[in-house]
Amino acid sequence: MKLLRVGAKGAEKPAILDADGTIRDLSGIVGDIGGDTLTPEGLAKIRAVDIGVLPKLDANDRIGPCVANVGKFICIGLNYADHAAETGAAIPEEPIIFMKATSAIIGPNDDVIIPKNSIKPDWEVELGIIIGTEARYVEEADAMNHVAGYCVINDVSERHFQTERGGTWDKGKGSDTFGPIGPWMVTKDEVADPQNLSMWLEVDGHRYQNGSTKTMIFGVATVVAYVSQFMSLQPGDIISTGTPPGVGMGIKPNPVWLKPGNVMRLGIEGLGEQRQLTKAYSA
């Protein structure tokens, strides 16, 4: 299933994409696409519905974040061997974990605001894991049982804040609008192999990232199991799993940074596409 949320910010309706690509209203079936809906029981409730009889929603309506009320937005850093190489970083011995503020979450086609005092804003197409059942100290062999599905994420970053302002990476990752998710959440049964998905990102029509989840250092099951050793994972939590090469800071000899008026387009095989216009911060 492809589940999404449609409508104005704060007033999104839960929806499902039918086989013809028509958006169908799920608001008579579930309250929202959040933690309760993403459990096995919640997803089974949707699967039991004849979606062909559900009301149609306007295809031109805004698409909101594909998951509502995200509790934790967890990220894995330097998780692609070819991306680590382009940054000159050593391959991590264990996954690098950092957090992205949930207030960064926006819809897949909403505007990205370059924050005040930004110097080096950058892009990162990433595979998002959406949790469906509580995970605490799980083994890797059991980890996929806790996954509800996947989505596209743009882990927008401010590299000056991230690497040159001291402390952890979080301050370069959590600015408002730095977390577009969607357009939809695809249930795991529709993704045959999450470790074999092509992914790409363009800025103003120039393709900078053209990679594959094949080059992940720590795969989906490993990441879920590993994170669960340090914090419990709850239905509706999201883990962003890292990015392939082609980010702005990795371009040699002159890095490329986002600026107001750029258009980012990005996508992952089978999971849909995003499009964001960048704008300058204004009070």
Protein backbone atom coordinates (compact mmCIF):
# COMPACT_ATOMS: atom_id res chain seq x y z
CA MET A 1 0.00 0.00 0.00
CA LYS A 2 0.97 3.60 -0.59
CA LEU A 3 -0.33 5.73 2.26
CA LEU A 4 -0.21 9.52 2.28
CA ARG A 5 -1.71 12.62 3.86
CA VAL A 6 -3.38 15.27 1.74
CA GLY A 7 -4.50 18.81 2.48
CA ALA A 8 -3.44 22.10 4.02
CA LYS A 9 -0.80 22.10 6.75
CA GLY A 10 -2.38 20.96 9.99
CA ALA A 11 -5.53 19.75 8.24
CA GLU A 12 -4.25 16.79 6.23
CA LYS A 13 -6.53 13.84 5.54
CA PRO A 14 -5.26 10.27 5.61
CA ALA A 15 -5.30 8.79 2.13
CA ILE A 16 -4.26 5.85 0.01
CA LEU A 17 -3.09 5.66 -3.58
CA ASP A 18 -5.10 3.12 -5.57
CA ALA A 19 -3.78 0.97 -8.41
CA ASP A 20 -4.65 3.66 -10.97
CA GLY A 21 -2.81 6.39 -9.05
CA THR A 22 -6.02 7.95 -7.76
CA ILE A 23 -5.86 9.39 -4.23
CA ARG A 24 -8.62 7.94 -2.03
CA ASP A 25 -9.84 9.39 1.27
CA LEU A 26 -9.21 7.16 4.30
CA SER A 27 -10.60 9.56 6.89
CA GLY A 28 -13.69 7.37 7.34
CA ILE A 29 -11.47 4.40 8.15
CA VAL A 30 -8.57 5.78 10.23
CA GLY A 31 -7.95 9.04 12.03
CA ASP A 32 -4.55 9.71 10.47
CA ILE A 33 -1.42 8.00 9.14
CA GLY A 34 0.42 7.89 12.46
CA GLY A 35 1.58 5.44 15.10
CA ASP A 36 -1.71 3.58 15.69
CA THR A 37 -2.38 3.20 11.96
CA LEU A 38 1.13 1.94 11.23
CA THR A 39 0.89 -1.06 13.55
CA PRO A 40 0.13 -4.46 11.98
CA GLU A 41 -3.43 -4.14 13.26
CA GLY A 42 -3.84 -0.65 11.83
CA LEU A 43 -2.50 -1.63 8.42
CA ALA A 44 -4.70 -4.77 8.39
CA LYS A 45 -7.74 -2.54 8.96
CA ILE A 46 -6.89 -0.58 5.81
CA ARG A 47 -6.15 -3.73 3.78
CA ALA A 48 -9.61 -5.04 4.61
CA VAL A 49 -11.28 -2.06 2.89
CA ASP A 50 -12.42 -1.99 -0.74
CA ILE A 51 -10.53 1.18 -1.58
CA GLY A 52 -12.30 1.47 -4.93
CA VAL A 53 -15.42 2.72 -3.15
CA LEU A 54 -13.62 5.36 -1.07
CA PRO A 55 -14.11 9.05 -2.00
CA LYS A 56 -11.57 10.54 -4.38
CA LEU A 57 -9.40 13.45 -3.32
CA ASP A 58 -8.19 16.21 -5.60
CA ALA A 59 -4.91 15.20 -7.20
CA ASN A 60 -3.85 18.87 -7.14
CA ASP A 61 -4.16 19.17 -3.37
CA ARG A 62 -1.02 19.62 -1.29
CA ILE A 63 0.63 16.40 -0.12
CA GLY A 64 1.67 16.62 3.51
CA PRO A 65 4.28 14.60 5.42
CA CYS A 66 3.43 10.93 4.95
CA VAL A 67 3.54 10.23 8.72
CA ALA A 68 1.76 12.32 11.35
CA ASN A 69 3.00 13.07 14.86
CA VAL A 70 6.43 11.53 14.44
CA GLY A 71 7.89 10.82 17.87
CA LYS A 72 11.53 10.41 16.91
CA PHE A 73 13.38 11.39 13.72
CA ILE A 74 16.62 9.42 13.90
CA CYS A 75 19.41 9.64 11.32
CA ILE A 76 22.40 7.48 10.45
CA GLY A 77 25.51 9.33 9.30
CA LEU A 78 28.16 8.26 6.79
CA ASN A 79 26.26 5.07 5.99
CA TYR A 80 27.25 4.74 2.32
CA ALA A 81 30.77 3.60 1.50
CA ASP A 82 30.97 5.81 -1.60
CA HIS A 83 29.68 8.86 0.30
CA ALA A 84 32.20 8.33 3.10
CA ALA A 85 34.90 8.21 0.43
CA GLU A 86 33.84 11.51 -1.16
CA THR A 87 33.96 13.25 2.24
CA GLY A 88 37.35 11.75 3.09
CA ALA A 89 35.92 10.08 6.20
CA ALA A 90 36.85 6.66 7.48
CA ILE A 91 34.26 3.88 7.23
CA PRO A 92 32.46 3.86 10.60
CA GLU A 93 32.94 0.74 12.72
CA GLU A 94 29.44 1.20 14.14
CA PRO A 95 26.50 3.26 12.87
CA ILE A 96 26.68 6.97 13.62
CA ILE A 97 23.41 8.11 15.21
CA PHE A 98 22.13 11.67 15.40
CA MET A 99 18.70 13.21 15.73
CA LYS A 100 16.79 15.50 13.42
CA ALA A 101 14.19 17.75 15.05
CA THR A 102 10.62 16.67 14.37
CA SER A 103 9.84 20.36 13.79
CA ALA A 104 11.94 20.04 10.61
CA ILE A 105 9.34 17.74 9.03
CA ILE A 106 7.42 19.11 6.03
CA GLY A 107 5.60 17.72 3.02
CA PRO A 108 7.57 16.39 0.04
CA ASN A 109 6.88 19.42 -2.14
CA ASP A 110 6.83 22.17 0.48
CA ASP A 111 9.34 25.01 0.32
CA VAL A 112 12.70 24.56 2.05
CA ILE A 113 13.74 27.66 3.98
CA ILE A 114 17.46 28.42 4.15
CA PRO A 115 17.98 29.43 7.78
CA LYS A 116 19.27 32.72 9.12
CA ASN A 117 23.08 32.96 9.07
CA SER A 118 23.35 29.93 6.81
CA ILE A 119 26.57 29.63 4.78
CA LYS A 120 26.66 26.06 3.46
CA PRO A 121 23.18 24.56 2.94
CA ASP A 122 23.27 21.14 1.30
CA TRP A 123 21.05 18.25 0.15
CA GLU A 124 20.89 14.48 0.84
CA VAL A 125 18.45 11.97 -0.68
CA GLU A 126 17.85 9.18 1.84
CA LEU A 127 15.78 6.04 2.39
CA GLY A 128 13.50 6.42 5.40
CA ILE A 129 12.47 3.46 7.56
CA ILE A 130 9.06 3.82 9.25
CA ILE A 131 8.59 1.79 12.42
CA GLY A 132 5.39 -0.23 12.89
CA THR A 133 5.84 -2.05 16.20
CA GLU A 134 7.79 -1.22 19.33
CA ALA A 135 11.42 -2.32 19.09
CA ARG A 136 13.62 -2.61 22.16
CA TYR A 137 16.86 -4.61 22.19
CA VAL A 138 15.85 -6.53 19.08
CA GLU A 139 18.10 -8.94 17.23
CA GLU A 140 18.98 -8.28 13.60
CA ALA A 141 17.16 -11.46 12.55
CA ASP A 142 13.94 -10.05 14.03
CA ALA A 143 14.41 -6.41 13.06
CA MET A 144 12.32 -6.40 9.89
CA ASN A 145 9.28 -7.50 11.88
CA HIS A 146 9.29 -4.01 13.40
CA VAL A 147 9.30 -2.15 10.07
CA ALA A 148 6.00 -0.83 8.67
CA GLY A 149 7.41 0.61 5.46
CA TYR A 150 9.64 3.12 3.72
CA CYS A 151 9.64 6.65 2.33
CA VAL A 152 11.83 9.20 0.57
CA ILE A 153 13.60 11.75 2.78
CA ASN A 154 15.62 14.82 1.90
CA ASP A 155 18.02 15.22 4.83
CA VAL A 156 18.62 18.91 4.16
CA SER A 157 21.74 20.01 6.05
CA GLU A 158 23.68 23.14 6.93
CA ARG A 159 27.33 22.06 6.80
CA HIS A 160 28.74 25.16 8.51
CA PHE A 161 26.39 24.61 11.45
CA GLN A 162 27.05 20.86 11.36
CA THR A 163 30.84 20.73 11.24
CA GLU A 164 32.22 24.16 12.07
CA ARG A 165 30.15 25.38 15.01
CA GLY A 166 31.28 22.77 17.55
CA GLY A 167 29.39 20.03 19.32
CA THR A 168 27.22 17.44 17.61
CA TRP A 169 25.83 17.35 14.07
CA ASP A 170 22.27 18.03 15.23
CA LYS A 171 22.45 21.81 14.92
CA GLY A 172 23.14 21.47 11.20
CA LYS A 173 20.28 19.05 10.64
CA GLY A 174 17.26 20.26 12.55
CA SER A 175 16.33 23.63 11.08
CA ASP A 176 12.69 24.18 10.22
CA THR A 177 11.82 22.62 6.82
CA PHE A 178 15.00 20.48 6.77
CA GLY A 179 13.03 17.21 6.76
CA PRO A 180 10.76 16.69 3.73
CA ILE A 181 9.23 13.19 3.93
CA GLY A 182 7.03 11.38 1.41
CA PRO A 183 5.18 11.69 -0.93
CA TRP A 184 3.88 8.46 0.52
CA MET A 185 4.79 5.69 2.89
CA VAL A 186 5.11 2.39 1.01
CA THR A 187 4.40 -0.70 3.12
CA LYS A 188 7.30 -3.12 3.32
CA ASP A 189 5.45 -5.88 1.46
CA GLU A 190 5.71 -3.75 -1.70
CA VAL A 191 9.50 -3.32 -1.42
CA ALA A 192 11.10 -6.62 -2.41
CA ASP A 193 14.64 -5.60 -1.40
CA PRO A 194 15.33 -2.32 0.41
CA GLN A 195 19.04 -2.92 -0.24
CA ASN A 196 18.62 -2.68 -4.00
CA LEU A 197 16.85 0.61 -4.69
CA SER A 198 18.17 3.27 -7.07
CA MET A 199 18.05 6.84 -5.75
CA TRP A 200 18.79 10.25 -7.22
CA LEU A 201 18.70 13.99 -6.60
CA GLU A 202 18.84 16.98 -8.94
CA VAL A 203 19.25 20.70 -8.33
CA ASP A 204 17.95 22.96 -11.08
CA GLY A 205 17.90 19.99 -13.45
CA HIS A 206 21.51 18.93 -12.81
CA ARG A 207 21.80 15.44 -11.37
CA TYR A 208 24.21 15.44 -8.46
CA GLN A 209 23.27 12.20 -6.73
CA ASN A 210 22.76 8.95 -8.62
CA GLY A 211 23.24 6.07 -6.23
CA SER A 212 21.80 2.89 -4.79
CA THR A 213 21.00 1.48 -1.38
CA LYS A 214 23.35 -1.35 -2.42
CA THR A 215 26.27 0.70 -1.12
CA MET A 216 24.90 1.08 2.42
CA ILE A 217 27.48 0.09 5.01
CA PHE A 218 24.82 -0.92 7.55
CA GLY A 219 21.61 -2.22 5.99
CA VAL A 220 18.03 -1.68 7.13
CA ALA A 221 17.84 -4.66 9.49
CA THR A 222 21.21 -3.82 11.03
CA VAL A 223 20.22 -0.20 11.58
CA VAL A 224 16.89 -1.02 13.24
CA ALA A 225 18.48 -3.59 15.54
CA TYR A 226 21.39 -1.29 16.39
CA VAL A 227 19.30 1.78 17.20
CA SER A 228 17.02 -0.34 19.39
CA GLN A 229 19.98 -1.07 21.67
CA PHE A 230 20.13 2.58 22.68
CA MET A 231 16.49 3.71 22.61
CA SER A 232 13.13 2.09 22.12
CA LEU A 233 11.52 2.58 18.74
CA GLN A 234 7.80 3.28 18.61
CA PRO A 235 5.23 3.02 15.79
CA GLY A 236 5.55 6.11 13.63
CA ASP A 237 9.21 6.76 14.44
CA ILE A 238 11.39 7.37 11.39
CA ILE A 239 15.00 6.41 10.75
CA SER A 240 16.79 8.16 7.87
CA THR A 241 19.50 5.78 6.70
CA GLY A 242 22.19 7.94 5.07
CA THR A 243 22.96 9.24 1.61
CA PRO A 244 24.94 8.15 -1.46
CA PRO A 245 27.66 10.36 -2.98
CA GLY A 246 26.97 13.61 -4.79
CA VAL A 247 26.21 15.96 -1.93
CA GLY A 248 27.23 19.58 -2.37
CA MET A 249 30.08 19.50 0.11
CA GLY A 250 31.66 16.56 -1.72
CA ILE A 251 32.03 18.33 -5.07
CA LYS A 252 35.68 18.98 -5.91
CA PRO A 253 37.41 21.34 -6.13
CA ASN A 254 34.58 23.76 -5.37
CA PRO A 255 31.65 22.62 -3.21
CA VAL A 256 28.17 23.63 -4.35
CA TRP A 257 25.72 25.08 -1.83
CA LEU A 258 22.01 25.67 -2.09
CA LYS A 259 20.80 29.22 -2.55
CA PRO A 260 17.36 30.83 -2.68
CA GLY A 261 15.51 29.99 -5.89
CA ASN A 262 17.01 26.53 -6.40
CA VAL A 263 14.67 23.65 -7.18
CA MET A 264 15.54 20.24 -5.73
CA ARG A 265 14.01 17.09 -7.24
CA LEU A 266 14.73 13.68 -5.77
CA GLY A 267 13.36 10.18 -5.69
CA ILE A 268 13.86 6.54 -4.79
CA GLU A 269 12.83 3.61 -6.95
CA GLY A 270 9.25 2.62 -6.12
CA LEU A 271 8.88 5.22 -3.37
CA GLY A 272 7.98 8.33 -5.38
CA GLU A 273 9.52 11.74 -5.95
CA GLN A 274 9.84 15.05 -4.13
CA ARG A 275 10.25 18.62 -5.36
CA GLN A 276 11.24 21.61 -3.22
CA LEU A 277 11.85 25.26 -3.95
CA THR A 278 14.44 26.88 -1.68
CA LYS A 279 13.68 30.25 -0.17
CA ALA A 280 15.57 32.67 2.06
CA TYR A 281 14.55 33.00 5.69
CA SER A 282 12.39 36.00 6.48
CA ALA A 283 11.08 36.92 9.93
